[in-house]
Protein backbone atom coordinates (compact mmCIF):
# COMPACT_ATOMS: atom_id res chain seq x y z
CA MET A 1 27.76 11.54 -8.87
CA GLU A 2 30.43 8.84 -8.74
CA GLU A 3 28.87 6.39 -11.14
CA GLU A 4 31.69 3.88 -10.73
CA ASN A 5 30.55 3.27 -7.14
CA VAL A 6 27.01 2.32 -8.11
CA ASP A 7 26.18 -1.39 -8.12
CA ASN A 8 25.33 -2.54 -11.65
CA ASN A 9 22.64 -4.90 -10.36
CA ILE A 10 19.02 -3.87 -10.22
CA TYR A 11 17.50 -5.10 -6.97
CA GLN A 12 13.83 -5.85 -7.46
CA TYR A 13 11.46 -6.00 -4.50
CA LYS A 14 7.72 -6.44 -4.14
CA ILE A 15 6.12 -4.48 -1.31
CA ILE A 16 2.53 -4.54 -0.14
CA LEU A 17 0.67 -2.04 2.05
CA ILE A 18 -2.05 -3.53 4.23
CA GLY A 19 -4.36 -2.15 6.89
CA ASP A 20 -7.93 -0.97 7.41
CA SER A 21 -9.84 1.15 4.91
CA PHE A 22 -9.19 4.89 4.93
CA VAL A 23 -5.92 4.76 6.86
CA GLY A 24 -4.26 6.32 3.81
CA LYS A 25 -2.48 3.44 2.06
CA THR A 26 -3.29 4.72 -1.42
CA SER A 27 -2.37 8.29 -0.48
CA LEU A 28 1.02 7.15 0.79
CA ILE A 29 1.77 5.29 -2.43
CA ILE A 30 0.71 8.20 -4.63
CA ARG A 31 2.73 10.62 -2.53
CA PHE A 32 5.83 8.42 -2.75
CA CYS A 33 5.54 7.51 -6.44
CA ASP A 34 4.03 10.68 -7.91
CA ASP A 35 4.59 13.32 -5.21
CA LYS A 36 0.88 14.12 -5.25
CA TYR A 37 -1.94 14.15 -2.72
CA ASP A 38 -5.62 13.75 -3.55
CA LEU A 39 -7.92 14.88 -0.76
CA ASN A 40 -10.86 13.13 -2.44
CA SER A 41 -9.24 9.75 -3.13
CA VAL A 42 -11.62 6.79 -2.86
CA ALA A 43 -11.10 3.42 -1.24
CA THR A 44 -9.15 0.87 -3.27
CA VAL A 45 -11.18 -2.02 -4.62
CA GLY A 46 -9.16 -5.21 -4.93
CA VAL A 47 -5.47 -4.67 -5.70
CA ASP A 48 -3.52 -1.98 -7.55
CA THR A 49 0.21 -1.64 -8.23
CA LYS A 50 2.77 1.06 -8.95
CA THR A 51 6.47 0.85 -9.76
CA LYS A 52 9.09 3.21 -8.39
CA TYR A 53 12.85 3.34 -9.01
CA ILE A 54 15.18 4.69 -6.33
CA LEU A 55 18.89 4.78 -5.63
CA ARG A 56 19.71 3.68 -2.11
CA LYS A 57 23.23 3.36 -0.73
CA GLU A 58 24.69 3.00 -4.24
CA LYS A 59 22.16 0.28 -5.13
CA LYS A 60 19.60 0.61 -7.89
CA ILE A 61 16.27 -0.48 -6.50
CA GLU A 62 13.08 -1.28 -8.40
CA LEU A 63 10.07 -1.31 -6.10
CA GLN A 64 6.80 -2.86 -7.17
CA ILE A 65 4.34 -1.47 -4.64
CA TRP A 66 1.00 -3.20 -4.14
CA ASP A 67 -2.00 -1.32 -2.80
CA THR A 68 -4.77 -3.42 -1.25
CA ALA A 69 -8.35 -2.87 -0.19
CA GLY A 70 -8.90 -2.69 3.54
CA GLN A 71 -12.51 -3.88 3.54
CA GLU A 72 -13.26 -7.15 5.29
CA ARG A 73 -14.45 -8.85 2.10
CA PHE A 74 -11.05 -8.30 0.47
CA ARG A 75 -8.92 -9.69 3.30
CA SER A 76 -8.52 -13.09 1.66
CA LEU A 77 -7.30 -11.36 -1.51
CA SER A 78 -4.73 -9.37 0.48
CA LYS A 79 -3.66 -12.54 2.22
CA ASN A 80 -3.07 -14.36 -1.06
CA CYS A 81 -0.97 -11.47 -2.37
CA CYS A 82 1.27 -11.43 0.70
CA ASN A 83 2.95 -14.74 -0.03
CA GLN A 84 4.64 -13.14 -3.04
CA MET A 85 6.04 -10.18 -1.12
CA ASP A 86 9.53 -9.21 -0.02
CA GLY A 87 8.29 -6.47 2.28
CA ILE A 88 5.08 -5.57 4.11
CA VAL A 89 4.00 -2.14 5.33
CA PHE A 90 1.36 -2.29 8.07
CA VAL A 91 -0.53 1.02 8.01
CA TYR A 92 -2.84 2.47 10.65
CA ASP A 93 -4.39 5.88 11.30
CA ILE A 94 -2.62 7.44 14.27
CA ASN A 95 -5.88 9.21 15.16
CA ASN A 96 -7.98 6.05 15.16
CA LYS A 97 -7.26 3.50 17.90
CA GLU A 98 -9.33 0.80 16.22
CA THR A 99 -7.13 0.80 13.12
CA PHE A 100 -4.07 0.36 15.33
CA LYS A 101 -5.65 -2.53 17.24
CA ASN A 102 -6.55 -4.19 13.96
CA ILE A 103 -2.90 -4.31 12.88
CA LYS A 104 -2.57 -7.37 15.12
CA LEU A 105 -5.40 -9.01 13.20
CA TRP A 106 -3.77 -8.19 9.87
CA TYR A 107 -0.46 -9.57 11.13
CA LYS A 108 -2.04 -12.83 12.32
CA ASN A 109 -4.26 -13.15 9.26
CA ILE A 110 -1.27 -13.49 6.93
CA LYS A 111 1.04 -15.31 9.33
CA ASN A 112 0.46 -18.73 7.75
CA VAL A 113 1.44 -17.47 4.26
CA VAL A 114 4.35 -15.21 5.23
CA ASN A 115 7.72 -16.19 6.68
CA TYR A 116 8.43 -13.17 8.84
CA ASN A 117 12.04 -14.30 9.22
CA ILE A 118 12.81 -13.45 5.58
CA VAL A 119 10.20 -10.77 4.82
CA GLY A 120 10.83 -7.17 5.83
CA THR A 121 8.14 -5.40 7.85
CA VAL A 122 7.51 -1.80 8.91
CA LEU A 123 4.73 -0.31 11.03
CA VAL A 124 3.43 3.06 9.80
CA GLY A 125 1.25 5.55 11.63
CA ASN A 126 -0.30 7.88 9.05
CA LYS A 127 -1.86 11.35 9.54
CA CYS A 128 0.69 12.56 12.09
CA ASP A 129 -0.02 16.14 10.95
CA ILE A 130 -3.20 16.12 13.07
CA GLU A 131 -2.74 17.30 16.66
CA ASN A 132 -3.45 15.14 19.71
CA PRO A 133 -3.03 11.64 18.24
CA GLN A 134 -5.22 8.93 19.73
CA VAL A 135 -2.58 6.18 19.64
CA ASP A 136 0.01 6.72 22.39
CA ASP A 137 3.74 6.13 22.01
CA ASN A 138 3.85 3.49 24.75
CA SER A 139 1.36 1.29 22.90
CA ILE A 140 3.31 1.72 19.68
CA GLN A 141 6.60 0.83 21.32
CA LYS A 142 5.11 -2.22 22.99
CA PHE A 143 3.78 -3.45 19.65
CA CYS A 144 7.11 -2.88 17.91
CA ASN A 145 8.99 -4.75 20.63
CA THR A 146 6.56 -7.66 20.47
CA TYR A 147 6.52 -7.98 16.67
CA ASN A 148 10.08 -6.81 16.02
CA MET A 149 9.15 -3.90 13.75
CA LYS A 150 10.45 -0.43 13.14
CA HIS A 151 7.87 2.35 13.32
CA VAL A 152 7.53 5.46 11.18
CA LYS A 153 5.12 8.32 11.83
CA VAL A 154 4.10 9.94 8.56
CA SER A 155 1.68 12.25 6.82
CA ALA A 156 0.78 11.65 3.19
CA LYS A 157 -1.04 14.99 3.13
CA GLU A 158 1.92 17.06 4.33
CA ASN A 159 4.58 14.75 2.87
CA ILE A 160 6.16 14.06 6.26
CA ASN A 161 8.56 11.08 6.40
CA VAL A 162 6.85 9.27 3.50
CA ASN A 163 10.16 8.42 1.82
CA ASP A 164 11.38 7.03 5.15
CA ILE A 165 8.81 4.23 4.96
CA PHE A 166 10.33 2.80 1.84
CA THR A 167 14.01 3.53 2.48
CA THR A 168 13.68 1.92 5.91
CA LEU A 169 12.04 -1.14 4.39
CA VAL A 170 14.59 -1.34 1.57
CA ASP A 171 17.43 -1.34 4.11
CA ILE A 172 15.74 -4.18 5.99
CA MET A 173 15.14 -6.24 2.83
CA VAL A 174 18.70 -5.75 1.56
CA LYS A 175 20.03 -6.80 4.95
CA LEU A 176 17.85 -9.91 4.93
CA ASP A 177 19.09 -10.71 1.43
CA SER A 178 22.71 -10.47 2.51
CA LYS A 179 22.06 -12.81 5.43
CA SER A 180 20.00 -15.47 3.68
CA LYS A 181 21.13 -14.96 0.07
CA ARG A 182 17.47 -15.32 -0.77
CA SER A 183 17.90 -13.03 -3.79
CA LEU A 184 19.48 -15.91 -5.70
CA LYS A 185 16.66 -18.27 -4.83
CA ARG A 186 13.85 -15.89 -5.69
CA ALA A 187 15.55 -14.01 -8.54
CA ARG A 188 15.15 -10.75 -6.71
CA SER A 189 18.45 -9.27 -7.89
CA LYS A 190 19.51 -9.38 -11.51
CA ILE A 191 21.85 -7.62 -13.87
CA ALA A 192 19.85 -5.70 -16.44
CA LYS A 193 20.22 -2.75 -18.75
CA MET A 194 18.30 0.29 -17.66
CA THR A 195 16.55 2.60 -20.10
CA MET A 196 17.78 6.15 -20.39
CA VAL A 197 14.64 7.32 -18.59
CA GLU A 198 15.30 4.98 -15.67
CA GLU A 199 18.95 6.04 -15.49
CA GLU A 200 17.97 9.71 -15.51
CA GLU A 201 15.41 9.13 -12.74
CA PHE A 202 17.96 7.35 -10.56
CA TYR A 203 20.55 10.05 -10.98
CA ASN A 204 18.13 12.96 -10.57
CA LYS A 205 16.76 11.42 -7.35
CA LYS A 206 20.28 11.05 -6.01
CA LYS A 207 21.06 14.69 -6.75
CA LYS A 208 17.94 15.77 -4.90
CA ASN A 209 18.89 13.54 -1.94
CA CYS A 210 15.35 12.24 -1.74
CA CYS A 211 16.27 8.62 -1.03
């Protein structure tokens, strides 16, 4: 690894996953952060967080990933969390049309607390390992064109494209930072010393080409 080419800054981003219950938000986070899958995972109650370090295009990235409950009674909590975020992942179940339709409701529900011009967004269709998906590509493309989002089909269970969710979003957030220089305003990027464990994780991930 050519360490001299790596940016000495640590770029810190907060990301939140939102969407209906049982679309697999928690499973995606666990797969990405811990490379595990729990078939019997239960619905999140309230909010939970995990931190993940990656190396992306010679930049050291610290991701604080927020997991939110999808139940109706927790929507206000999710909404309040969103105004702190740098990136939002909208998750639906590709085999459940209702969860896809509800993405519009999630988007509109947080619109008054999120400036979509400076916050990165990605649309994610989970459970793509199941045959004959119920959400068709035309509907997905139409949504992405309307709301200016990139789309990633994934499977937490089979570990298909899960890393792509976060690398895609990181690229969007870094690009937004470079355009608006918002990192200075919101202290998102700072020079800091990394622990030996963090350094080892960055370098090992790079060697494995996982990010």
